[in-house]
Amino acid sequence: MKNLLFIVFFGVVFNGFAKLDPPKTAEVKIKTSAICGMCKKRIERDLGLTKGIVGSNLNLDNKVVTVTYNPKKTSPEKIKGAISKIGYDADEVAADQKSHDALPSCCQKSAAAHKD
């Protein structure tokens, strides 16, 4: 009898855990002023350290970063602010000037296009 109660108890508990919703994520695409592979590494690394961001990938061909995030912890506006603080434009949000000026000269907006 104890074994049967034990099995039923854990079956109910396990079934309850199995019904928990997995964390929901959202995706946003943001146009940046990134130029090169160094920009890509910097943006993806720094976004990876930002609260609520699950992952990011910057396409250098079109300069669009695709960000997967937890909407309960962050928002597209906060993500754009984070990109701005890294030193890059993010859609309509201009790059933070102090952060932009601290970028290597080859990564600044006024730099000529170059290959890595």
PDB file of N, CA and C in Angstrom:
ATOM      1  N   MET A   1       0.826  -1.198   0.000  1.00  0.00           N
ATOM      2  CA  MET A   1       0.000   0.000   0.000  1.00  0.00           C
ATOM      3  C   MET A   1       0.865   1.254   0.000  1.00  0.00           C
ATOM      4  N   LYS A   2       1.950   1.235   0.816  1.00  0.00           N
ATOM      5  CA  LYS A   2       2.834   2.401   0.860  1.00  0.00           C
ATOM      6  C   LYS A   2       3.474   2.648  -0.507  1.00  0.00           C
ATOM      7  N   ASN A   3       3.845   1.551  -1.171  1.00  0.00           N
ATOM      8  CA  ASN A   3       4.460   1.694  -2.490  1.00  0.00           C
ATOM      9  C   ASN A   3       3.496   2.320  -3.489  1.00  0.00           C
ATOM     10  N   LEU A   4       2.242   1.932  -3.416  1.00  0.00           N
ATOM     11  CA  LEU A   4       1.240   2.477  -4.323  1.00  0.00           C
ATOM     12  C   LEU A   4       1.039   3.974  -4.074  1.00  0.00           C
ATOM     13  N   LEU A   5       0.949   4.378  -2.802  1.00  0.00           N
ATOM     14  CA  LEU A   5       0.809   5.795  -2.469  1.00  0.00           C
ATOM     15  C   LEU A   5       2.038   6.587  -2.921  1.00  0.00           C
ATOM     16  N   PHE A   6       3.195   5.997  -2.738  1.00  0.00           N
ATOM     17  CA  PHE A   6       4.448   6.622  -3.143  1.00  0.00           C
ATOM     18  C   PHE A   6       4.451   6.869  -4.657  1.00  0.00           C
ATOM     19  N   ILE A   7       4.047   5.871  -5.420  1.00  0.00           N
ATOM     20  CA  ILE A   7       4.021   5.980  -6.879  1.00  0.00           C
ATOM     21  C   ILE A   7       2.994   7.024  -7.323  1.00  0.00           C
ATOM     22  N   VAL A   8       1.823   7.017  -6.719  1.00  0.00           N
ATOM     23  CA  VAL A   8       0.786   7.985  -7.071  1.00  0.00           C
ATOM     24  C   VAL A   8       1.239   9.401  -6.731  1.00  0.00           C
ATOM     25  N   PHE A   9       1.840   9.581  -5.556  1.00  0.00           N
ATOM     26  CA  PHE A   9       2.306  10.898  -5.135  1.00  0.00           C
ATOM     27  C   PHE A   9       3.324  11.459  -6.130  1.00  0.00           C
ATOM     28  N   PHE A  10       4.342  10.683  -6.468  1.00  0.00           N
ATOM     29  CA  PHE A  10       5.362  11.170  -7.389  1.00  0.00           C
ATOM     30  C   PHE A  10       4.826  11.329  -8.810  1.00  0.00           C
ATOM     31  N   GLY A  11       3.847  10.519  -9.165  1.00  0.00           N
ATOM     32  CA  GLY A  11       3.215  10.679 -10.477  1.00  0.00           C
ATOM     33  C   GLY A  11       2.493  12.009 -10.574  1.00  0.00           C
ATOM     34  N   VAL A  12       1.787  12.385  -9.516  1.00  0.00           N
ATOM     35  CA  VAL A  12       1.068  13.663  -9.500  1.00  0.00           C
ATOM     36  C   VAL A  12       2.053  14.818  -9.501  1.00  0.00           C
ATOM     37  N   VAL A  13       3.092  14.725  -8.680  1.00  0.00           N
ATOM     38  CA  VAL A  13       4.092  15.792  -8.608  1.00  0.00           C
ATOM     39  C   VAL A  13       4.808  15.941  -9.944  1.00  0.00           C
ATOM     40  N   PHE A  14       5.251  14.841 -10.520  1.00  0.00           N
ATOM     41  CA  PHE A  14       5.958  14.899 -11.791  1.00  0.00           C
ATOM     42  C   PHE A  14       5.051  15.447 -12.886  1.00  0.00           C
ATOM     43  N   ASN A  15       3.814  15.023 -12.910  1.00  0.00           N
ATOM     44  CA  ASN A  15       2.860  15.507 -13.908  1.00  0.00           C
ATOM     45  C   ASN A  15       2.663  17.016 -13.768  1.00  0.00           C
ATOM     46  N   GLY A  16       2.647  17.525 -12.542  1.00  0.00           N
ATOM     47  CA  GLY A  16       2.522  18.965 -12.320  1.00  0.00           C
ATOM     48  C   GLY A  16       3.703  19.725 -12.875  1.00  0.00           C
ATOM     49  N   PHE A  17       4.914  19.191 -12.687  1.00  0.00           N
ATOM     50  CA  PHE A  17       6.109  19.843 -13.209  1.00  0.00           C
ATOM     51  C   PHE A  17       6.146  19.781 -14.729  1.00  0.00           C
ATOM     52  N   ALA A  18       5.666  18.707 -15.294  1.00  0.00           N
ATOM     53  CA  ALA A  18       5.691  18.547 -16.744  1.00  0.00           C
ATOM     54  C   ALA A  18       4.791  19.563 -17.428  1.00  0.00           C
ATOM     55  N   LYS A  19       3.782  20.071 -16.728  1.00  0.00           N
ATOM     56  CA  LYS A  19       2.853  21.019 -17.333  1.00  0.00           C
ATOM     57  C   LYS A  19       3.324  22.464 -17.238  1.00  0.00           C
ATOM     58  N   LEU A  20       4.426  22.707 -16.538  1.00  0.00           N
ATOM     59  CA  LEU A  20       4.938  24.074 -16.459  1.00  0.00           C
ATOM     60  C   LEU A  20       5.314  24.551 -17.852  1.00  0.00           C
ATOM     61  N   ASP A  21       4.947  25.774 -18.161  1.00  0.00           N
ATOM     62  CA  ASP A  21       5.276  26.328 -19.468  1.00  0.00           C
ATOM     63  C   ASP A  21       6.773  26.588 -19.554  1.00  0.00           C
ATOM     64  N   PRO A  22       7.367  26.233 -20.665  1.00  0.00           N
ATOM     65  CA  PRO A  22       8.777  26.578 -20.842  1.00  0.00           C
ATOM     66  C   PRO A  22       8.905  28.095 -20.952  1.00  0.00           C
ATOM     67  N   PRO A  23      10.068  28.625 -20.622  1.00  0.00           N
ATOM     68  CA  PRO A  23      10.221  30.084 -20.726  1.00  0.00           C
ATOM     69  C   PRO A  23       9.946  30.541 -22.157  1.00  0.00           C
ATOM     70  N   LYS A  24       9.177  31.577 -22.282  1.00  0.00           N
ATOM     71  CA  LYS A  24       8.826  32.097 -23.601  1.00  0.00           C
ATOM     72  C   LYS A  24       9.854  33.151 -24.009  1.00  0.00           C
ATOM     73  N   THR A  25      10.200  33.135 -25.275  1.00  0.00           N
ATOM     74  CA  THR A  25      11.144  34.117 -25.787  1.00  0.00           C
ATOM     75  C   THR A  25      10.508  34.855 -26.951  1.00  0.00           C
ATOM     76  N   ALA A  26      11.088  35.995 -27.240  1.00  0.00           N
ATOM     77  CA  ALA A  26      10.667  36.795 -28.386  1.00  0.00           C
ATOM     78  C   ALA A  26      11.920  37.142 -29.179  1.00  0.00           C
ATOM     79  N   GLU A  27      11.716  37.649 -30.378  1.00  0.00           N
ATOM     80  CA  GLU A  27      12.844  37.998 -31.235  1.00  0.00           C
ATOM     81  C   GLU A  27      12.619  39.385 -31.813  1.00  0.00           C
ATOM     82  N   VAL A  28      13.702  40.149 -31.887  1.00  0.00           N
ATOM     83  CA  VAL A  28      13.632  41.480 -32.473  1.00  0.00           C
ATOM     84  C   VAL A  28      14.838  41.656 -33.400  1.00  0.00           C
ATOM     85  N   LYS A  29      14.631  42.360 -34.494  1.00  0.00           N
ATOM     86  CA  LYS A  29      15.711  42.671 -35.444  1.00  0.00           C
ATOM     87  C   LYS A  29      15.973  44.172 -35.373  1.00  0.00           C
ATOM     88  N   ILE A  30      17.243  44.517 -35.179  1.00  0.00           N
ATOM     89  CA  ILE A  30      17.622  45.919 -34.979  1.00  0.00           C
ATOM     90  C   ILE A  30      18.753  46.266 -35.942  1.00  0.00           C
ATOM     91  N   LYS A  31      18.565  47.341 -36.697  1.00  0.00           N
ATOM     92  CA  LYS A  31      19.594  47.837 -37.618  1.00  0.00           C
ATOM     93  C   LYS A  31      20.651  48.575 -36.812  1.00  0.00           C
ATOM     94  N   THR A  32      21.925  48.242 -37.040  1.00  0.00           N
ATOM     95  CA  THR A  32      23.032  48.855 -36.304  1.00  0.00           C
ATOM     96  C   THR A  32      23.973  49.592 -37.244  1.00  0.00           C
ATOM     97  N   SER A  33      24.953  50.248 -36.642  1.00  0.00           N
ATOM     98  CA  SER A  33      25.992  50.922 -37.421  1.00  0.00           C
ATOM     99  C   SER A  33      27.294  50.119 -37.391  1.00  0.00           C
ATOM    100  N   ALA A  34      27.200  48.826 -37.121  1.00  0.00           N
ATOM    101  CA  ALA A  34      28.383  47.965 -37.070  1.00  0.00           C
ATOM    102  C   ALA A  34      29.068  47.919 -38.435  1.00  0.00           C
ATOM    103  N   ILE A  35      30.391  47.712 -38.402  1.00  0.00           N
ATOM    104  CA  ILE A  35      31.161  47.747 -39.638  1.00  0.00           C
ATOM    105  C   ILE A  35      31.873  46.427 -39.924  1.00  0.00           C
ATOM    106  N   CYS A  36      32.469  45.827 -38.899  1.00  0.00           N
ATOM    107  CA  CYS A  36      33.382  44.715 -39.146  1.00  0.00           C
ATOM    108  C   CYS A  36      33.179  43.561 -38.154  1.00  0.00           C
ATOM    109  N   GLY A  37      34.038  42.571 -38.277  1.00  0.00           N
ATOM    110  CA  GLY A  37      34.001  41.418 -37.391  1.00  0.00           C
ATOM    111  C   GLY A  37      34.253  41.784 -35.935  1.00  0.00           C
ATOM    112  N   MET A  38      35.081  42.798 -35.705  1.00  0.00           N
ATOM    113  CA  MET A  38      35.319  43.248 -34.327  1.00  0.00           C
ATOM    114  C   MET A  38      34.031  43.821 -33.744  1.00  0.00           C
ATOM    115  N   CYS A  39      33.288  44.548 -34.539  1.00  0.00           N
ATOM    116  CA  CYS A  39      31.996  45.095 -34.100  1.00  0.00           C
ATOM    117  C   CYS A  39      31.046  43.948 -33.747  1.00  0.00           C
ATOM    118  N   LYS A  40      31.006  42.946 -34.618  1.00  0.00           N
ATOM    119  CA  LYS A  40      30.135  41.787 -34.416  1.00  0.00           C
ATOM    120  C   LYS A  40      30.453  41.117 -33.089  1.00  0.00           C
ATOM    121  N   LYS A  41      31.732  40.848 -32.851  1.00  0.00           N
ATOM    122  CA  LYS A  41      32.132  40.198 -31.598  1.00  0.00           C
ATOM    123  C   LYS A  41      31.753  41.043 -30.388  1.00  0.00           C
ATOM    124  N   ARG A  42      31.999  42.321 -30.481  1.00  0.00           N
ATOM    125  CA  ARG A  42      31.722  43.230 -29.353  1.00  0.00           C
ATOM    126  C   ARG A  42      30.222  43.279 -29.047  1.00  0.00           C
ATOM    127  N   ILE A  43      29.414  43.454 -30.082  1.00  0.00           N
ATOM    128  CA  ILE A  43      27.967  43.553 -29.882  1.00  0.00           C
ATOM    129  C   ILE A  43      27.407  42.237 -29.339  1.00  0.00           C
ATOM    130  N   GLU A  44      27.752  41.117 -29.950  1.00  0.00           N
ATOM    131  CA  GLU A  44      27.226  39.828 -29.503  1.00  0.00           C
ATOM    132  C   GLU A  44      27.692  39.491 -28.091  1.00  0.00           C
ATOM    133  N   ARG A  45      28.955  39.775 -27.778  1.00  0.00           N
ATOM    134  CA  ARG A  45      29.479  39.503 -26.435  1.00  0.00           C
ATOM    135  C   ARG A  45      28.759  40.347 -25.389  1.00  0.00           C
ATOM    136  N   ASP A  46      28.681  41.646 -25.635  1.00  0.00           N
ATOM    137  CA  ASP A  46      28.077  42.544 -24.649  1.00  0.00           C
ATOM    138  C   ASP A  46      26.579  42.299 -24.491  1.00  0.00           C
ATOM    139  N   LEU A  47      25.889  42.000 -25.579  1.00  0.00           N
ATOM    140  CA  LEU A  47      24.467  41.677 -25.467  1.00  0.00           C
ATOM    141  C   LEU A  47      24.272  40.382 -24.686  1.00  0.00           C
ATOM    142  N   GLY A  48      25.205  39.446 -24.842  1.00  0.00           N
ATOM    143  CA  GLY A  48      25.129  38.188 -24.101  1.00  0.00           C
ATOM    144  C   GLY A  48      25.232  38.373 -22.598  1.00  0.00           C
ATOM    145  N   LEU A  49      25.798  39.493 -22.175  1.00  0.00           N
ATOM    146  CA  LEU A  49      25.934  39.792 -20.752  1.00  0.00           C
ATOM    147  C   LEU A  49      24.790  40.656 -20.236  1.00  0.00           C
ATOM    148  N   THR A  50      23.845  40.976 -21.097  1.00  0.00           N
ATOM    149  CA  THR A  50      22.730  41.850 -20.746  1.00  0.00           C
ATOM    150  C   THR A  50      21.558  41.029 -20.231  1.00  0.00           C
ATOM    151  N   LYS A  51      20.983  41.468 -19.134  1.00  0.00           N
ATOM    152  CA  LYS A  51      19.873  40.757 -18.493  1.00  0.00           C
ATOM    153  C   LYS A  51      18.707  40.546 -19.466  1.00  0.00           C
ATOM    154  N   GLY A  52      18.237  39.303 -19.525  1.00  0.00           N
ATOM    155  CA  GLY A  52      17.066  38.978 -20.322  1.00  0.00           C
ATOM    156  C   GLY A  52      17.358  38.571 -21.755  1.00  0.00           C
ATOM    157  N   ILE A  53      18.592  38.721 -22.202  1.00  0.00           N
ATOM    158  CA  ILE A  53      18.916  38.363 -23.582  1.00  0.00           C
ATOM    159  C   ILE A  53      19.414  36.926 -23.626  1.00  0.00           C
ATOM    160  N   VAL A  54      18.760  36.135 -24.470  1.00  0.00           N
ATOM    161  CA  VAL A  54      19.077  34.719 -24.592  1.00  0.00           C
ATOM    162  C   VAL A  54      20.178  34.506 -25.625  1.00  0.00           C
ATOM    163  N   GLY A  55      20.159  35.274 -26.700  1.00  0.00           N
ATOM    164  CA  GLY A  55      21.164  35.133 -27.747  1.00  0.00           C
ATOM    165  C   GLY A  55      21.051  36.258 -28.756  1.00  0.00           C
ATOM    166  N   SER A  56      22.136  36.428 -29.530  1.00  0.00           N
ATOM    167  CA  SER A  56      22.115  37.457 -30.571  1.00  0.00           C
ATOM    168  C   SER A  56      23.027  37.035 -31.714  1.00  0.00           C
ATOM    169  N   ASN A  57      22.716  37.534 -32.900  1.00  0.00           N
ATOM    170  CA  ASN A  57      23.534  37.258 -34.068  1.00  0.00           C
ATOM    171  C   ASN A  57      23.486  38.481 -34.981  1.00  0.00           C
ATOM    172  N   LEU A  58      24.651  39.050 -35.241  1.00  0.00           N
ATOM    173  CA  LEU A  58      24.755  40.218 -36.110  1.00  0.00           C
ATOM    174  C   LEU A  58      25.141  39.768 -37.509  1.00  0.00           C
ATOM    175  N   ASN A  59      24.325  40.133 -38.487  1.00  0.00           N
ATOM    176  CA  ASN A  59      24.604  39.874 -39.888  1.00  0.00           C
ATOM    177  C   ASN A  59      25.319  41.107 -40.428  1.00  0.00           C
ATOM    178  N   LEU A  60      26.589  40.976 -40.762  1.00  0.00           N
ATOM    179  CA  LEU A  60      27.365  42.126 -41.219  1.00  0.00           C
ATOM    180  C   LEU A  60      26.979  42.580 -42.630  1.00  0.00           C
ATOM    181  N   ASP A  61      26.362  41.705 -43.411  1.00  0.00           N
ATOM    182  CA  ASP A  61      25.961  42.099 -44.760  1.00  0.00           C
ATOM    183  C   ASP A  61      24.892  43.190 -44.737  1.00  0.00           C
ATOM    184  N   ASN A  62      23.912  43.048 -43.832  1.00  0.00           N
ATOM    185  CA  ASN A  62      22.852  44.058 -43.759  1.00  0.00           C
ATOM    186  C   ASN A  62      22.887  44.861 -42.459  1.00  0.00           C
ATOM    187  N   LYS A  63      23.862  44.559 -41.590  1.00  0.00           N
ATOM    188  CA  LYS A  63      24.080  45.257 -40.319  1.00  0.00           C
ATOM    189  C   LYS A  63      22.895  45.138 -39.367  1.00  0.00           C
ATOM    190  N   VAL A  64      22.160  44.042 -39.469  1.00  0.00           N
ATOM    191  CA  VAL A  64      21.008  43.810 -38.604  1.00  0.00           C
ATOM    192  C   VAL A  64      21.368  42.748 -37.570  1.00  0.00           C
ATOM    193  N   VAL A  65      21.135  43.086 -36.305  1.00  0.00           N
ATOM    194  CA  VAL A  65      21.352  42.124 -35.230  1.00  0.00           C
ATOM    195  C   VAL A  65      19.993  41.532 -34.859  1.00  0.00           C
ATOM    196  N   THR A  66      19.938  40.213 -34.829  1.00  0.00           N
ATOM    197  CA  THR A  66      18.733  39.502 -34.423  1.00  0.00           C
ATOM    198  C   THR A  66      18.937  39.080 -32.971  1.00  0.00           C
ATOM    199  N   VAL A  67      18.047  39.531 -32.102  1.00  0.00           N
ATOM    200  CA  VAL A  67      18.189  39.281 -30.668  1.00  0.00           C
ATOM    201  C   VAL A  67      17.012  38.446 -30.181  1.00  0.00           C
ATOM    202  N   THR A  68      17.323  37.344 -29.514  1.00  0.00           N
ATOM    203  CA  THR A  68      16.320  36.524 -28.852  1.00  0.00           C
ATOM    204  C   THR A  68      16.359  36.893 -27.380  1.00  0.00           C
ATOM    205  N   TYR A  69      15.192  37.189 -26.813  1.00  0.00           N
ATOM    206  CA  TYR A  69      15.172  37.690 -25.434  1.00  0.00           C
ATOM    207  C   TYR A  69      13.937  37.206 -24.682  1.00  0.00           C
ATOM    208  N   ASN A  70      13.989  37.329 -23.360  1.00  0.00           N
ATOM    209  CA  ASN A  70      12.870  37.003 -22.492  1.00  0.00           C
ATOM    210  C   ASN A  70      12.083  38.288 -22.260  1.00  0.00           C
ATOM    211  N   PRO A  71      10.861  38.385 -22.788  1.00  0.00           N
ATOM    212  CA  PRO A  71      10.109  39.637 -22.662  1.00  0.00           C
ATOM    213  C   PRO A  71       9.699  39.979 -21.228  1.00  0.00           C
ATOM    214  N   LYS A  72       9.815  39.032 -20.312  1.00  0.00           N
ATOM    215  CA  LYS A  72       9.528  39.331 -18.908  1.00  0.00           C
ATOM    216  C   LYS A  72      10.696  40.055 -18.244  1.00  0.00           C
ATOM    217  N   LYS A  73      11.881  39.993 -18.872  1.00  0.00           N
ATOM    218  CA  LYS A  73      13.067  40.576 -18.259  1.00  0.00           C
ATOM    219  C   LYS A  73      13.616  41.789 -19.003  1.00  0.00           C
ATOM    220  N   THR A  74      13.261  41.940 -20.265  1.00  0.00           N
ATOM    221  CA  THR A  74      13.762  43.083 -21.035  1.00  0.00           C
ATOM    222  C   THR A  74      12.784  43.399 -22.159  1.00  0.00           C
ATOM    223  N   SER A  75      13.090  44.435 -22.921  1.00  0.00           N
ATOM    224  CA  SER A  75      12.214  44.874 -24.011  1.00  0.00           C
ATOM    225  C   SER A  75      13.073  45.348 -25.181  1.00  0.00           C
ATOM    226  N   PRO A  76      12.469  45.489 -26.364  1.00  0.00           N
ATOM    227  CA  PRO A  76      13.239  46.014 -27.499  1.00  0.00           C
ATOM    228  C   PRO A  76      13.859  47.385 -27.212  1.00  0.00           C
ATOM    229  N   GLU A  77      13.156  48.233 -26.470  1.00  0.00           N
ATOM    230  CA  GLU A  77      13.696  49.557 -26.145  1.00  0.00           C
ATOM    231  C   GLU A  77      14.953  49.437 -25.280  1.00  0.00           C
ATOM    232  N   LYS A  78      14.938  48.534 -24.309  1.00  0.00           N
ATOM    233  CA  LYS A  78      16.110  48.330 -23.451  1.00  0.00           C
ATOM    234  C   LYS A  78      17.263  47.720 -24.242  1.00  0.00           C
ATOM    235  N   ILE A  79      16.943  46.843 -25.175  1.00  0.00           N
ATOM    236  CA  ILE A  79      17.983  46.233 -26.003  1.00  0.00           C
ATOM    237  C   ILE A  79      18.635  47.301 -26.886  1.00  0.00           C
ATOM    238  N   LYS A  80      17.826  48.173 -27.461  1.00  0.00           N
ATOM    239  CA  LYS A  80      18.372  49.273 -28.270  1.00  0.00           C
ATOM    240  C   LYS A  80      19.247  50.172 -27.408  1.00  0.00           C
ATOM    241  N   GLY A  81      18.830  50.417 -26.176  1.00  0.00           N
ATOM    242  CA  GLY A  81      19.640  51.212 -25.255  1.00  0.00           C
ATOM    243  C   GLY A  81      20.963  50.535 -24.950  1.00  0.00           C
ATOM    244  N   ALA A  82      20.940  49.210 -24.805  1.00  0.00           N
ATOM    245  CA  ALA A  82      22.170  48.468 -24.536  1.00  0.00           C
ATOM    246  C   ALA A  82      23.127  48.563 -25.727  1.00  0.00           C
ATOM    247  N   ILE A  83      22.588  48.452 -26.948  1.00  0.00           N
ATOM    248  CA  ILE A  83      23.427  48.562 -28.144  1.00  0.00           C
ATOM    249  C   ILE A  83      24.019  49.971 -28.228  1.00  0.00           C
ATOM    250  N   SER A  84      23.226  50.976 -27.915  1.00  0.00           N
ATOM    251  CA  SER A  84      23.705  52.356 -27.919  1.00  0.00           C
ATOM    252  C   SER A  84      24.852  52.535 -26.922  1.00  0.00           C
ATOM    253  N   LYS A  85      24.714  51.937 -25.747  1.00  0.00           N
ATOM    254  CA  LYS A  85      25.767  52.055 -24.723  1.00  0.00           C
ATOM    255  C   LYS A  85      27.035  51.318 -25.118  1.00  0.00           C
ATOM    256  N   ILE A  86      26.918  50.342 -26.020  1.00  0.00           N
ATOM    257  CA  ILE A  86      28.103  49.651 -26.534  1.00  0.00           C
ATOM    258  C   ILE A  86      28.845  50.577 -27.500  1.00  0.00           C
ATOM    259  N   GLY A  87      28.111  51.534 -28.109  1.00  0.00           N
ATOM    260  CA  GLY A  87      28.742  52.494 -29.012  1.00  0.00           C
ATOM    261  C   GLY A  87      28.209  52.485 -30.423  1.00  0.00           C
ATOM    262  N   TYR A  88      27.098  51.815 -30.648  1.00  0.00           N
ATOM    263  CA  TYR A  88      26.549  51.685 -31.998  1.00  0.00           C
ATOM    264  C   TYR A  88      25.119  52.215 -32.058  1.00  0.00           C
ATOM    265  N   ASP A  89      24.725  52.688 -33.246  1.00  0.00           N
ATOM    266  CA  ASP A  89      23.331  53.065 -33.466  1.00  0.00           C
ATOM    267  C   ASP A  89      22.475  51.806 -33.400  1.00  0.00           C
ATOM    268  N   ALA A  90      21.232  51.975 -32.958  1.00  0.00           N
ATOM    269  CA  ALA A  90      20.283  50.866 -32.891  1.00  0.00           C
ATOM    270  C   ALA A  90      18.933  51.390 -33.366  1.00  0.00           C
ATOM    271  N   ASP A  91      18.630  51.155 -34.636  1.00  0.00           N
ATOM    272  CA  ASP A  91      17.445  51.728 -35.272  1.00  0.00           C
ATOM    273  C   ASP A  91      17.466  53.242 -35.072  1.00  0.00           C
ATOM    274  N   GLU A  92      16.435  53.800 -34.441  1.00  0.00           N
ATOM    275  CA  GLU A  92      16.341  55.253 -34.260  1.00  0.00           C
ATOM    276  C   GLU A  92      17.142  55.768 -33.067  1.00  0.00           C
ATOM    277  N   VAL A  93      17.728  54.869 -32.275  1.00  0.00           N
ATOM    278  CA  VAL A  93      18.499  55.278 -31.100  1.00  0.00           C
ATOM    279  C   VAL A  93      19.958  55.484 -31.514  1.00  0.00           C
ATOM    280  N   ALA A  94      20.435  56.696 -31.358  1.00  0.00           N
ATOM    281  CA  ALA A  94      21.817  57.010 -31.736  1.00  0.00           C
ATOM    282  C   ALA A  94      22.794  56.413 -30.730  1.00  0.00           C
ATOM    283  N   ALA A  95      23.979  56.126 -31.211  1.00  0.00           N
ATOM    284  CA  ALA A  95      25.031  55.580 -30.354  1.00  0.00           C
ATOM    285  C   ALA A  95      25.383  56.573 -29.251  1.00  0.00           C
ATOM    286  N   ASP A  96      25.643  56.056 -28.068  1.00  0.00           N
ATOM    287  CA  ASP A  96      26.145  56.876 -26.977  1.00  0.00           C
ATOM    288  C   ASP A  96      27.501  57.439 -27.426  1.00  0.00           C
ATOM    289  N   GLN A  97      27.627  58.751 -27.436  1.00  0.00           N
ATOM    290  CA  GLN A  97      28.815  59.389 -28.009  1.00  0.00           C
ATOM    291  C   GLN A  97      30.101  58.980 -27.290  1.00  0.00           C
ATOM    292  N   LYS A  98      30.076  58.937 -25.985  1.00  0.00           N
ATOM    293  CA  LYS A  98      31.273  58.571 -25.222  1.00  0.00           C
ATOM    294  C   LYS A  98      31.696  57.128 -25.536  1.00  0.00           C
ATOM    295  N   SER A  99      30.726  56.224 -25.614  1.00  0.00           N
ATOM    296  CA  SER A  99      31.029  54.826 -25.943  1.00  0.00           C
ATOM    297  C   SER A  99      31.516  54.705 -27.381  1.00  0.00           C
ATOM    298  N   HIS A 100      30.886  55.447 -28.287  1.00  0.00           N
ATOM    299  CA  HIS A 100      31.297  55.416 -29.689  1.00  0.00           C
ATOM    300  C   HIS A 100      32.740  55.903 -29.834  1.00  0.00           C
ATOM    301  N   ASP A 101      33.079  56.977 -29.134  1.00  0.00           N
ATOM    302  CA  ASP A 101      34.433  57.529 -29.226  1.00  0.00           C
ATOM    303  C   ASP A 101      35.480  56.587 -28.653  1.00  0.00           C
ATOM    304  N   ALA A 102      35.057  55.669 -27.770  1.00  0.00           N
ATOM    305  CA  ALA A 102      35.990  54.713 -27.171  1.00  0.00           C
ATOM    306  C   ALA A 102      36.218  53.484 -28.057  1.00  0.00           C
ATOM    307  N   LEU A 103      35.416  53.335 -29.112  1.00  0.00           N
ATOM    308  CA  LEU A 103      35.603  52.212 -30.035  1.00  0.00           C
ATOM    309  C   LEU A 103      36.915  52.381 -30.792  1.00  0.00           C
ATOM    310  N   PRO A 104      37.506  51.280 -31.266  1.00  0.00           N
ATOM    311  CA  PRO A 104      38.672  51.414 -32.133  1.00  0.00           C
ATOM    312  C   PRO A 104      38.303  52.294 -33.336  1.00  0.00           C
ATOM    313  N   SER A 105      39.245  53.040 -33.851  1.00  0.00           N
ATOM    314  CA  SER A 105      38.940  53.986 -34.935  1.00  0.00           C
ATOM    315  C   SER A 105      38.337  53.299 -36.151  1.00  0.00           C
ATOM    316  N   CYS A 106      38.707  52.048 -36.403  1.00  0.00           N
ATOM    317  CA  CYS A 106      38.159  51.335 -37.559  1.00  0.00           C
ATOM    318  C   CYS A 106      36.685  50.959 -37.372  1.00  0.00           C
ATOM    319  N   CYS A 107      36.192  51.002 -36.137  1.00  0.00           N
ATOM    320  CA  CYS A 107      34.796  50.622 -35.857  1.00  0.00           C
ATOM    321  C   CYS A 107      33.870  51.828 -35.714  1.00  0.00           C
ATOM    322  N   GLN A 108      34.426  53.036 -35.827  1.00  0.00           N
ATOM    323  CA  GLN A 108      33.596  54.220 -35.683  1.00  0.00           C
ATOM    324  C   GLN A 108      32.878  54.523 -36.995  1.00  0.00           C
ATOM    325  N   LYS A 109      31.723  55.138 -36.894  1.00  0.00           N
ATOM    326  CA  LYS A 109      30.876  55.388 -38.069  1.00  0.00           C
ATOM    327  C   LYS A 109      31.583  56.149 -39.173  1.00  0.00           C
ATOM    328  N   SER A 110      32.487  57.012 -38.819  1.00  0.00           N
ATOM    329  CA  SER A 110      33.147  57.822 -39.836  1.00  0.00           C
ATOM    330  C   SER A 110      34.284  57.080 -40.530  1.00  0.00           C
ATOM    331  N   ALA A 111      34.590  55.880 -40.079  1.00  0.00           N
ATOM    332  CA  ALA A 111      35.674  55.115 -40.678  1.00  0.00           C
ATOM    333  C   ALA A 111      35.260  54.588 -42.049  1.00  0.00           C
ATOM    334  N   ALA A 112      36.228  54.447 -42.926  1.00  0.00           N
ATOM    335  CA  ALA A 112      35.958  53.866 -44.233  1.00  0.00           C
ATOM    336  C   ALA A 112      35.707  52.380 -44.074  1.00  0.00           C
ATOM    337  N   ALA A 113      34.898  51.832 -44.945  1.00  0.00           N
ATOM    338  CA  ALA A 113      34.606  50.383 -44.889  1.00  0.00           C
ATOM    339  C   ALA A 113      35.895  49.613 -45.099  1.00  0.00           C
ATOM    340  N   HIS A 114      36.029  48.503 -44.413  1.00  0.00           N
ATOM    341  CA  HIS A 114      37.233  47.684 -44.538  1.00  0.00           C
ATOM    342  C   HIS A 114      36.883  46.217 -44.364  1.00  0.00           C
ATOM    343  N   LYS A 115      37.802  45.362 -44.700  1.00  0.00           N
ATOM    344  CA  LYS A 115      37.632  43.920 -44.530  1.00  0.00           C
ATOM    345  C   LYS A 115      38.492  43.480 -43.365  1.00  0.00           C
ATOM    346  N   ASP A 116      38.045  42.427 -42.686  1.00  0.00           N
ATOM    347  CA  ASP A 116      38.786  41.903 -41.528  1.00  0.00           C
ATOM    348  C   ASP A 116      39.985  41.106 -41.981  1.00  0.00           C
TER     349      ASP A 116
END
